[in-house]
Structures are given as structure tokens and as C-alpha cells.
Amino acid sequence: MKRRGIPWSRNALRTDNIDARFLGAAIRHYVCRPEHRPTIGSQAEYERLLIELTNRDDGTDRAD
């Protein structure tokens, strides 16, 4: 039987420790602001994103 998708191994990505609301807000942010995508993964971008998302009153993404 052939399996599809990401194979399970000791190097697999954990998902039980991810804040789903933060992840959803981050995805929404990068959909609305593609110019920020090249810096995804950097510490500076994480800090900028965290500040921006926590400063929102209603959690929605606003295009400036």
C-alpha cells in the first residue's frame, strides 16, 4: 500500500504545540501582504509579526 503526504518519522514536524489562531492570523497576514514573505523564518520578521498581530483589536488583517 502506497502512502501519500508527509511521511511520519522522528524528524516529522510537530503540530501539537502550535497556536492555531496565531498560525491562521500569520497565514492571513502573508496572503494580504506578499511583500513580507521573503523574510519569513527570520527572527526579526517573527518579532515584527508578533508585535503586529498582538496589536490588533479584532484579529483581522488590514491592508494599508
C-alpha atoms as a PDB file:
ATOM      1  CA  MET A   1       0.000   0.000   0.000  1.00  0.00           C
ATOM      2  CA  LYS A   2       1.418   3.370  -1.042  1.00  0.00           C
ATOM      3  CA  ARG A   3       1.010   6.266   1.385  1.00  0.00           C
ATOM      4  CA  ARG A   4       0.700   9.906   0.400  1.00  0.00           C
ATOM      5  CA  GLY A   5       1.629  13.076   2.264  1.00  0.00           C
ATOM      6  CA  ILE A   6       4.409  13.776   4.701  1.00  0.00           C
ATOM      7  CA  PRO A   7       5.916  10.529   5.996  1.00  0.00           C
ATOM      8  CA  TRP A   8       5.999  10.047   9.762  1.00  0.00           C
ATOM      9  CA  SER A   9       9.473   9.852  11.219  1.00  0.00           C
ATOM     10  CA  ARG A  10      11.439  11.171  14.176  1.00  0.00           C
ATOM     11  CA  ASN A  11      12.145  14.267  12.055  1.00  0.00           C
ATOM     12  CA  ALA A  12       8.438  14.947  11.489  1.00  0.00           C
ATOM     13  CA  LEU A  13       7.019  18.380  12.181  1.00  0.00           C
ATOM     14  CA  ARG A  14       5.123  18.552  15.472  1.00  0.00           C
ATOM     15  CA  THR A  15       1.724  20.185  15.341  1.00  0.00           C
ATOM     16  CA  ASP A  16       0.514  19.660  18.906  1.00  0.00           C
ATOM     17  CA  ASN A  17       2.404  22.725  20.139  1.00  0.00           C
ATOM     18  CA  ILE A  18       1.187  25.265  17.546  1.00  0.00           C
ATOM     19  CA  ASP A  19      -1.235  28.070  18.413  1.00  0.00           C
ATOM     20  CA  ALA A  20      -3.861  27.644  15.690  1.00  0.00           C
ATOM     21  CA  ARG A  21      -5.165  31.216  15.996  1.00  0.00           C
ATOM     22  CA  PHE A  22      -1.674  32.676  15.624  1.00  0.00           C
ATOM     23  CA  LEU A  23      -0.953  30.412  12.657  1.00  0.00           C
ATOM     24  CA  GLY A  24      -4.222  31.414  10.966  1.00  0.00           C
ATOM     25  CA  ALA A  25      -3.527  35.108  11.567  1.00  0.00           C
ATOM     26  CA  ALA A  26       0.019  34.738  10.215  1.00  0.00           C
ATOM     27  CA  ILE A  27      -1.189  32.992   7.047  1.00  0.00           C
ATOM     28  CA  ARG A  28      -3.852  35.664   6.545  1.00  0.00           C
ATOM     29  CA  HIS A  29      -1.207  38.367   7.062  1.00  0.00           C
ATOM     30  CA  TYR A  30       1.114  36.937   4.406  1.00  0.00           C
ATOM     31  CA  VAL A  31      -1.756  36.436   1.951  1.00  0.00           C
ATOM     32  CA  CYS A  32      -2.631  40.124   2.285  1.00  0.00           C
ATOM     33  CA  ARG A  33       0.987  41.329   2.387  1.00  0.00           C
ATOM     34  CA  PRO A  34       3.129  39.272  -0.005  1.00  0.00           C
ATOM     35  CA  GLU A  35       5.974  41.792   0.247  1.00  0.00           C
ATOM     36  CA  HIS A  36       6.735  40.401   3.733  1.00  0.00           C
ATOM     37  CA  ARG A  37       7.049  36.797   2.535  1.00  0.00           C
ATOM     38  CA  PRO A  38      10.787  36.853   1.697  1.00  0.00           C
ATOM     39  CA  THR A  39      11.636  37.435   5.362  1.00  0.00           C
ATOM     40  CA  ILE A  40       9.546  34.552   6.713  1.00  0.00           C
ATOM     41  CA  GLY A  41      11.668  32.483   9.069  1.00  0.00           C
ATOM     42  CA  SER A  42      13.947  35.250  10.298  1.00  0.00           C
ATOM     43  CA  GLN A  43      13.959  36.251  13.957  1.00  0.00           C
ATOM     44  CA  ALA A  44      13.394  39.906  13.030  1.00  0.00           C
ATOM     45  CA  GLU A  45      10.314  39.022  10.944  1.00  0.00           C
ATOM     46  CA  TYR A  46       8.912  36.842  13.712  1.00  0.00           C
ATOM     47  CA  GLU A  47       9.276  39.686  16.203  1.00  0.00           C
ATOM     48  CA  ARG A  48       7.695  42.178  13.776  1.00  0.00           C
ATOM     49  CA  LEU A  49       4.818  39.811  13.003  1.00  0.00           C
ATOM     50  CA  LEU A  50       4.217  39.032  16.668  1.00  0.00           C
ATOM     51  CA  ILE A  51       4.027  42.741  17.541  1.00  0.00           C
ATOM     52  CA  GLU A  52       1.743  43.489  14.597  1.00  0.00           C
ATOM     53  CA  LEU A  53      -0.651  40.618  15.282  1.00  0.00           C
ATOM     54  CA  THR A  54      -0.884  41.263  19.024  1.00  0.00           C
ATOM     55  CA  ASN A  55      -1.647  44.954  18.458  1.00  0.00           C
ATOM     56  CA  ARG A  56      -4.816  44.169  16.506  1.00  0.00           C
ATOM     57  CA  ASP A  57      -8.076  44.686  18.314  1.00  0.00           C
ATOM     58  CA  ASP A  58     -10.191  42.213  16.363  1.00  0.00           C
ATOM     59  CA  GLY A  59      -7.538  39.853  14.960  1.00  0.00           C
ATOM     60  CA  THR A  60      -8.314  40.692  11.338  1.00  0.00           C
ATOM     61  CA  ASP A  61      -5.719  41.662   8.780  1.00  0.00           C
ATOM     62  CA  ARG A  62      -5.978  45.126   7.368  1.00  0.00           C
ATOM     63  CA  ALA A  63      -4.420  46.131   4.065  1.00  0.00           C
ATOM     64  CA  ASP A  64      -2.767  49.527   4.493  1.00  0.00           C
END
